[in-house]
Amino acid sequence: MSIEKTESDRFLIGVFVTGVISVSIVLFIFYQFGLLRELLLVFSTQMLSGREFAMLHGASREMSIHLLILVSFISDIGAMLVGLPIFVLFHKELKQFPLMAPFMNFSEIITSNKSGVMHKFGLVGLFIICFIPFQMTGGLATACFAKLLGFSVREIIPVIASASLIASMFWAVTADTVMQYLEPVQHYIPYFIVLVVASILIYNFVHYRNR
């Protein structure tokens, strides 16, 4: 599956540079406030296993709801601005890269499903996919799906940004509420998250690398 050319390389490079500068500023600010560890914690968990696990992980570390919302939203937007131009500009090369092959194959399988939500509802479908939990539903993954479907970056960014913000608010409150009931086993949650992330990565690599 090839990507429809809707933007110039110059525009995509501009988006990438904007993303890199924005991420650098955010990292510096969080470092100055002593919150860099919290940001990286949520970002890494969210990228590897999904928003709901990232929120649960953060809540188990007693992060506030407001901080969970902020770092989850920033993680989504930063990853999208930096990762989407790379996905478009180097799509063919990424398909040949062993570590990226599972995601590249998965994205083409998902977007080729004519009966899927994204085909039926367009941008609204992209909003729904980005909002729901589980792996491969974050800002970057959804943006990559949208690009394969032919949407322009100018269409993708506002939809993903609004879906990410609303989803971050919803799942932060949900994780905080759930953690109140899991307080007796709160200190074991990070180990559970690590196990889930490792299982997901192994499954994806084995299942999608040769498809």
C-alpha atoms as a PDB file:
ATOM      1  CA  MET A   1       0.000   0.000   0.000  1.00  0.00           C
ATOM      2  CA  SER A   2       1.382   3.421  -0.988  1.00  0.00           C
ATOM      3  CA  ILE A   3       0.719   6.838   0.545  1.00  0.00           C
ATOM      4  CA  GLU A   4      -1.206   9.395  -1.481  1.00  0.00           C
ATOM      5  CA  LYS A   5       0.905  12.522  -1.999  1.00  0.00           C
ATOM      6  CA  THR A   6      -1.092  15.429  -0.519  1.00  0.00           C
ATOM      7  CA  GLU A   7       1.764  17.561   0.868  1.00  0.00           C
ATOM      8  CA  SER A   8       5.184  18.629  -0.360  1.00  0.00           C
ATOM      9  CA  ASP A   9       8.342  17.276   1.226  1.00  0.00           C
ATOM     10  CA  ARG A  10       9.147  20.829   2.312  1.00  0.00           C
ATOM     11  CA  PHE A  11       5.878  21.065   4.257  1.00  0.00           C
ATOM     12  CA  LEU A  12       6.457  17.690   5.928  1.00  0.00           C
ATOM     13  CA  ILE A  13       9.998  18.670   6.901  1.00  0.00           C
ATOM     14  CA  GLY A  14       8.561  21.876   8.357  1.00  0.00           C
ATOM     15  CA  VAL A  15       6.125  19.849  10.474  1.00  0.00           C
ATOM     16  CA  PHE A  16       8.972  17.610  11.623  1.00  0.00           C
ATOM     17  CA  VAL A  17      11.191  20.550  12.594  1.00  0.00           C
ATOM     18  CA  THR A  18       8.274  22.180  14.422  1.00  0.00           C
ATOM     19  CA  GLY A  19       7.703  18.945  16.301  1.00  0.00           C
ATOM     20  CA  VAL A  20      11.365  18.545  17.261  1.00  0.00           C
ATOM     21  CA  ILE A  21      11.578  22.144  18.519  1.00  0.00           C
ATOM     22  CA  SER A  22       8.302  21.819  20.436  1.00  0.00           C
ATOM     23  CA  VAL A  23       9.360  18.533  22.043  1.00  0.00           C
ATOM     24  CA  SER A  24      12.732  20.009  23.003  1.00  0.00           C
ATOM     25  CA  ILE A  25      11.046  22.988  24.683  1.00  0.00           C
ATOM     26  CA  VAL A  26       8.600  20.723  26.529  1.00  0.00           C
ATOM     27  CA  LEU A  27      11.401  18.445  27.750  1.00  0.00           C
ATOM     28  CA  PHE A  28      13.348  21.452  29.007  1.00  0.00           C
ATOM     29  CA  ILE A  29      10.317  22.868  30.845  1.00  0.00           C
ATOM     30  CA  PHE A  30       9.473  19.537  32.467  1.00  0.00           C
ATOM     31  CA  TYR A  31      13.127  19.085  33.426  1.00  0.00           C
ATOM     32  CA  GLN A  32      13.171  22.503  35.078  1.00  0.00           C
ATOM     33  CA  PHE A  33      10.060  21.633  37.114  1.00  0.00           C
ATOM     34  CA  GLY A  34      11.414  18.191  38.044  1.00  0.00           C
ATOM     35  CA  LEU A  35       8.676  16.379  36.102  1.00  0.00           C
ATOM     36  CA  LEU A  36      10.710  14.879  33.269  1.00  0.00           C
ATOM     37  CA  ARG A  37      10.512  11.373  34.738  1.00  0.00           C
ATOM     38  CA  GLU A  38       6.708  11.530  34.857  1.00  0.00           C
ATOM     39  CA  LEU A  39       6.529  12.707  31.255  1.00  0.00           C
ATOM     40  CA  LEU A  40       8.820   9.939  29.997  1.00  0.00           C
ATOM     41  CA  LEU A  41       6.948   7.351  32.073  1.00  0.00           C
ATOM     42  CA  VAL A  42       3.584   8.118  30.500  1.00  0.00           C
ATOM     43  CA  PHE A  43       5.047   8.654  27.021  1.00  0.00           C
ATOM     44  CA  SER A  44       6.861   5.316  26.913  1.00  0.00           C
ATOM     45  CA  THR A  45       3.921   3.334  28.298  1.00  0.00           C
ATOM     46  CA  GLN A  46       1.443   5.107  26.034  1.00  0.00           C
ATOM     47  CA  MET A  47       3.520   4.485  22.908  1.00  0.00           C
ATOM     48  CA  LEU A  48       4.084   0.808  23.653  1.00  0.00           C
ATOM     49  CA  SER A  49       0.796  -0.349  25.141  1.00  0.00           C
ATOM     50  CA  GLY A  50      -1.894   2.323  24.901  1.00  0.00           C
ATOM     51  CA  ARG A  51      -3.357   5.265  26.765  1.00  0.00           C
ATOM     52  CA  GLU A  52      -5.296   3.310  29.398  1.00  0.00           C
ATOM     53  CA  PHE A  53      -2.188   1.463  30.594  1.00  0.00           C
ATOM     54  CA  ALA A  54      -0.214   4.720  30.605  1.00  0.00           C
ATOM     55  CA  MET A  55      -2.867   6.390  32.749  1.00  0.00           C
ATOM     56  CA  LEU A  56      -3.046   3.418  35.102  1.00  0.00           C
ATOM     57  CA  HIS A  57       0.730   3.395  35.370  1.00  0.00           C
ATOM     58  CA  GLY A  58       0.831   7.114  36.126  1.00  0.00           C
ATOM     59  CA  ALA A  59      -2.005   6.898  38.649  1.00  0.00           C
ATOM     60  CA  SER A  60      -0.205   4.054  40.435  1.00  0.00           C
ATOM     61  CA  ARG A  61       2.721   6.460  40.880  1.00  0.00           C
ATOM     62  CA  GLU A  62       0.272   8.957  42.443  1.00  0.00           C
ATOM     63  CA  MET A  63       0.425  11.439  39.575  1.00  0.00           C
ATOM     64  CA  SER A  64      -2.391  13.999  39.710  1.00  0.00           C
ATOM     65  CA  ILE A  65      -5.230  13.933  37.197  1.00  0.00           C
ATOM     66  CA  HIS A  66      -4.165  17.280  35.733  1.00  0.00           C
ATOM     67  CA  LEU A  67      -0.594  16.078  35.229  1.00  0.00           C
ATOM     68  CA  LEU A  68      -1.811  12.822  33.656  1.00  0.00           C
ATOM     69  CA  ILE A  69      -3.948  14.748  31.181  1.00  0.00           C
ATOM     70  CA  LEU A  70      -1.119  17.124  30.315  1.00  0.00           C
ATOM     71  CA  VAL A  71       1.598  14.524  29.769  1.00  0.00           C
ATOM     72  CA  SER A  72      -0.703  12.185  27.835  1.00  0.00           C
ATOM     73  CA  PHE A  73      -1.819  14.968  25.478  1.00  0.00           C
ATOM     74  CA  ILE A  74       1.717  16.290  25.022  1.00  0.00           C
ATOM     75  CA  SER A  75       2.997  12.768  24.341  1.00  0.00           C
ATOM     76  CA  ASP A  76       0.391  12.237  21.616  1.00  0.00           C
ATOM     77  CA  ILE A  77       0.946  15.572  19.883  1.00  0.00           C
ATOM     78  CA  GLY A  78       4.731  15.449  20.107  1.00  0.00           C
ATOM     79  CA  ALA A  79       4.878  11.896  18.757  1.00  0.00           C
ATOM     80  CA  MET A  80       2.513  12.801  15.915  1.00  0.00           C
ATOM     81  CA  LEU A  81       4.376  15.948  14.821  1.00  0.00           C
ATOM     82  CA  VAL A  82       7.727  14.167  14.812  1.00  0.00           C
ATOM     83  CA  GLY A  83       6.665  10.693  13.713  1.00  0.00           C
ATOM     84  CA  LEU A  84       4.083  11.374  10.999  1.00  0.00           C
ATOM     85  CA  PRO A  85       6.467  13.192   8.597  1.00  0.00           C
ATOM     86  CA  ILE A  86       8.968  10.336   9.031  1.00  0.00           C
ATOM     87  CA  PHE A  87       6.210   7.811   8.310  1.00  0.00           C
ATOM     88  CA  VAL A  88       5.258   9.622   5.091  1.00  0.00           C
ATOM     89  CA  LEU A  89       8.709  10.545   3.803  1.00  0.00           C
ATOM     90  CA  PHE A  90      10.335   7.170   4.514  1.00  0.00           C
ATOM     91  CA  HIS A  91       7.351   4.841   4.207  1.00  0.00           C
ATOM     92  CA  LYS A  92       9.052   2.359   1.877  1.00  0.00           C
ATOM     93  CA  GLU A  93      12.264   2.332   3.887  1.00  0.00           C
ATOM     94  CA  LEU A  94      10.442   1.774   7.187  1.00  0.00           C
ATOM     95  CA  LYS A  95       8.711  -1.293   5.757  1.00  0.00           C
ATOM     96  CA  GLN A  96      12.138  -2.865   5.257  1.00  0.00           C
ATOM     97  CA  PHE A  97      13.288  -2.077   8.797  1.00  0.00           C
ATOM     98  CA  PRO A  98      12.784  -5.199  11.008  1.00  0.00           C
ATOM     99  CA  LEU A  99      11.735  -3.308  14.162  1.00  0.00           C
ATOM    100  CA  MET A 100       9.178  -1.218  12.269  1.00  0.00           C
ATOM    101  CA  ALA A 101       7.854  -3.954  10.000  1.00  0.00           C
ATOM    102  CA  PRO A 102       5.193  -5.180  12.483  1.00  0.00           C
ATOM    103  CA  PHE A 103       3.642  -1.716  12.807  1.00  0.00           C
ATOM    104  CA  MET A 104       3.880  -0.994   9.077  1.00  0.00           C
ATOM    105  CA  ASN A 105       2.166  -4.285   8.237  1.00  0.00           C
ATOM    106  CA  PHE A 106      -0.448  -3.796  10.963  1.00  0.00           C
ATOM    107  CA  SER A 107      -1.277  -0.283   9.701  1.00  0.00           C
ATOM    108  CA  GLU A 108      -1.837  -1.544   6.164  1.00  0.00           C
ATOM    109  CA  ILE A 109      -4.000  -4.436   7.393  1.00  0.00           C
ATOM    110  CA  ILE A 110      -6.157  -2.056   9.454  1.00  0.00           C
ATOM    111  CA  THR A 111      -6.611   0.553   6.739  1.00  0.00           C
ATOM    112  CA  SER A 112      -7.385  -2.031   4.039  1.00  0.00           C
ATOM    113  CA  ASN A 113     -10.495  -3.161   5.938  1.00  0.00           C
ATOM    114  CA  LYS A 114     -13.300  -1.574   3.908  1.00  0.00           C
ATOM    115  CA  SER A 115     -15.852  -2.284   6.613  1.00  0.00           C
ATOM    116  CA  GLY A 116     -13.807  -0.572   9.330  1.00  0.00           C
ATOM    117  CA  VAL A 117     -14.761   2.558  11.252  1.00  0.00           C
ATOM    118  CA  MET A 118     -12.260   4.750   9.406  1.00  0.00           C
ATOM    119  CA  HIS A 119     -13.636   3.837   5.982  1.00  0.00           C
ATOM    120  CA  LYS A 120     -17.267   4.242   7.053  1.00  0.00           C
ATOM    121  CA  PHE A 121     -17.034   7.505   8.998  1.00  0.00           C
ATOM    122  CA  GLY A 122     -13.952   9.298   7.657  1.00  0.00           C
ATOM    123  CA  LEU A 123     -12.560  11.918  10.024  1.00  0.00           C
ATOM    124  CA  VAL A 124     -15.192  11.044  12.627  1.00  0.00           C
ATOM    125  CA  GLY A 125     -13.955   7.459  12.451  1.00  0.00           C
ATOM    126  CA  LEU A 126     -10.393   8.662  13.039  1.00  0.00           C
ATOM    127  CA  PHE A 127     -11.610  10.558  16.103  1.00  0.00           C
ATOM    128  CA  ILE A 128     -13.237   7.376  17.414  1.00  0.00           C
ATOM    129  CA  ILE A 129     -10.124   5.263  16.827  1.00  0.00           C
ATOM    130  CA  CYS A 130      -7.909   7.810  18.606  1.00  0.00           C
ATOM    131  CA  PHE A 131     -10.328   8.057  21.527  1.00  0.00           C
ATOM    132  CA  ILE A 132     -10.764   4.373  22.305  1.00  0.00           C
ATOM    133  CA  PRO A 133      -8.156   2.609  24.451  1.00  0.00           C
ATOM    134  CA  PHE A 134      -5.692  -0.200  23.696  1.00  0.00           C
ATOM    135  CA  GLN A 135      -2.542  -0.350  21.604  1.00  0.00           C
ATOM    136  CA  MET A 136      -2.223   1.354  18.209  1.00  0.00           C
ATOM    137  CA  THR A 137      -4.933   3.926  18.987  1.00  0.00           C
ATOM    138  CA  GLY A 138      -2.732   6.838  20.042  1.00  0.00           C
ATOM    139  CA  GLY A 139      -2.144  10.054  18.139  1.00  0.00           C
ATOM    140  CA  LEU A 140       0.772   8.864  16.014  1.00  0.00           C
ATOM    141  CA  ALA A 141      -0.712   5.494  15.041  1.00  0.00           C
ATOM    142  CA  THR A 142      -4.088   7.028  14.171  1.00  0.00           C
ATOM    143  CA  ALA A 143      -2.399   9.770  12.147  1.00  0.00           C
ATOM    144  CA  CYS A 144      -0.471   7.129  10.185  1.00  0.00           C
ATOM    145  CA  PHE A 145      -3.712   5.247   9.512  1.00  0.00           C
ATOM    146  CA  ALA A 146      -5.295   8.493   8.307  1.00  0.00           C
ATOM    147  CA  LYS A 147      -2.408   9.204   5.936  1.00  0.00           C
ATOM    148  CA  LEU A 148      -2.712   5.750   4.393  1.00  0.00           C
ATOM    149  CA  LEU A 149      -6.403   6.508   3.820  1.00  0.00           C
ATOM    150  CA  GLY A 150      -5.521   9.675   1.902  1.00  0.00           C
ATOM    151  CA  PHE A 151      -6.289  12.394   4.451  1.00  0.00           C
ATOM    152  CA  SER A 152      -4.057  15.469   4.450  1.00  0.00           C
ATOM    153  CA  VAL A 153      -1.905  16.482   7.410  1.00  0.00           C
ATOM    154  CA  ARG A 154      -3.978  19.673   7.753  1.00  0.00           C
ATOM    155  CA  GLU A 155      -7.074  17.524   8.241  1.00  0.00           C
ATOM    156  CA  ILE A 156      -5.384  15.022  10.519  1.00  0.00           C
ATOM    157  CA  ILE A 157      -3.774  17.307  13.112  1.00  0.00           C
ATOM    158  CA  PRO A 158      -6.918  19.075  14.478  1.00  0.00           C
ATOM    159  CA  VAL A 159      -8.903  15.820  14.610  1.00  0.00           C
ATOM    160  CA  ILE A 160      -6.154  13.931  16.426  1.00  0.00           C
ATOM    161  CA  ALA A 161      -5.485  16.863  18.777  1.00  0.00           C
ATOM    162  CA  SER A 162      -9.136  17.149  19.856  1.00  0.00           C
ATOM    163  CA  ALA A 163      -9.564  13.363  20.206  1.00  0.00           C
ATOM    164  CA  SER A 164      -6.333  13.091  22.192  1.00  0.00           C
ATOM    165  CA  LEU A 165      -7.310  15.869  24.597  1.00  0.00           C
ATOM    166  CA  ILE A 166     -10.777  14.462  25.277  1.00  0.00           C
ATOM    167  CA  ALA A 167      -9.427  10.906  25.586  1.00  0.00           C
ATOM    168  CA  SER A 168      -6.689  12.053  27.969  1.00  0.00           C
ATOM    169  CA  MET A 169      -9.264  13.729  30.209  1.00  0.00           C
ATOM    170  CA  PHE A 170     -11.584  10.707  30.163  1.00  0.00           C
ATOM    171  CA  TRP A 171      -8.959   8.041  30.823  1.00  0.00           C
ATOM    172  CA  ALA A 172      -7.110  10.100  33.437  1.00  0.00           C
ATOM    173  CA  VAL A 173     -10.293  10.370  35.499  1.00  0.00           C
ATOM    174  CA  THR A 174     -11.037   6.679  34.887  1.00  0.00           C
ATOM    175  CA  ALA A 175      -7.537   5.565  35.956  1.00  0.00           C
ATOM    176  CA  ASP A 176      -7.649   7.721  39.073  1.00  0.00           C
ATOM    177  CA  THR A 177     -11.024   6.233  40.022  1.00  0.00           C
ATOM    178  CA  VAL A 178      -9.895   2.669  39.359  1.00  0.00           C
ATOM    179  CA  MET A 179      -6.743   3.189  41.422  1.00  0.00           C
ATOM    180  CA  GLN A 180      -8.856   4.019  44.452  1.00  0.00           C
ATOM    181  CA  TYR A 181     -10.133   0.435  44.368  1.00  0.00           C
ATOM    182  CA  LEU A 182      -6.707  -1.030  43.582  1.00  0.00           C
ATOM    183  CA  GLU A 183      -4.882   0.821  46.341  1.00  0.00           C
ATOM    184  CA  PRO A 184      -3.959  -2.410  48.231  1.00  0.00           C
ATOM    185  CA  VAL A 185      -2.017  -3.661  45.193  1.00  0.00           C
ATOM    186  CA  GLN A 186      -0.949  -0.250  43.923  1.00  0.00           C
ATOM    187  CA  HIS A 187       2.781  -0.948  44.187  1.00  0.00           C
ATOM    188  CA  TYR A 188       2.456  -4.027  41.978  1.00  0.00           C
ATOM    189  CA  ILE A 189       0.794  -2.155  39.083  1.00  0.00           C
ATOM    190  CA  PRO A 190       4.089  -1.078  37.400  1.00  0.00           C
ATOM    191  CA  TYR A 191       5.249  -4.718  37.278  1.00  0.00           C
ATOM    192  CA  PHE A 192       1.940  -5.691  35.711  1.00  0.00           C
ATOM    193  CA  ILE A 193       2.341  -2.912  33.123  1.00  0.00           C
ATOM    194  CA  VAL A 194       5.850  -4.114  32.226  1.00  0.00           C
ATOM    195  CA  LEU A 195       4.545  -7.654  31.744  1.00  0.00           C
ATOM    196  CA  VAL A 196       1.697  -6.457  29.510  1.00  0.00           C
ATOM    197  CA  VAL A 197       3.978  -4.246  27.407  1.00  0.00           C
ATOM    198  CA  ALA A 198       6.513  -7.052  26.936  1.00  0.00           C
ATOM    199  CA  SER A 199       3.757  -9.483  25.931  1.00  0.00           C
ATOM    200  CA  ILE A 200       2.295  -7.022  23.405  1.00  0.00           C
ATOM    201  CA  LEU A 201       5.680  -6.299  21.825  1.00  0.00           C
ATOM    202  CA  ILE A 202       6.512  -9.988  21.487  1.00  0.00           C
ATOM    203  CA  TYR A 203       3.103 -10.776  20.004  1.00  0.00           C
ATOM    204  CA  ASN A 204       3.290  -7.929  17.475  1.00  0.00           C
ATOM    205  CA  PHE A 205       6.792  -8.829  16.366  1.00  0.00           C
ATOM    206  CA  VAL A 206       5.956 -12.489  15.872  1.00  0.00           C
ATOM    207  CA  HIS A 207       2.471 -12.002  14.387  1.00  0.00           C
ATOM    208  CA  TYR A 208       2.983  -9.085  11.993  1.00  0.00           C
ATOM    209  CA  ARG A 209       6.620  -9.112  10.926  1.00  0.00           C
ATOM    210  CA  ASN A 210       6.100 -11.460   7.956  1.00  0.00           C
ATOM    211  CA  ARG A 211       2.588 -10.445   6.932  1.00  0.00           C
END
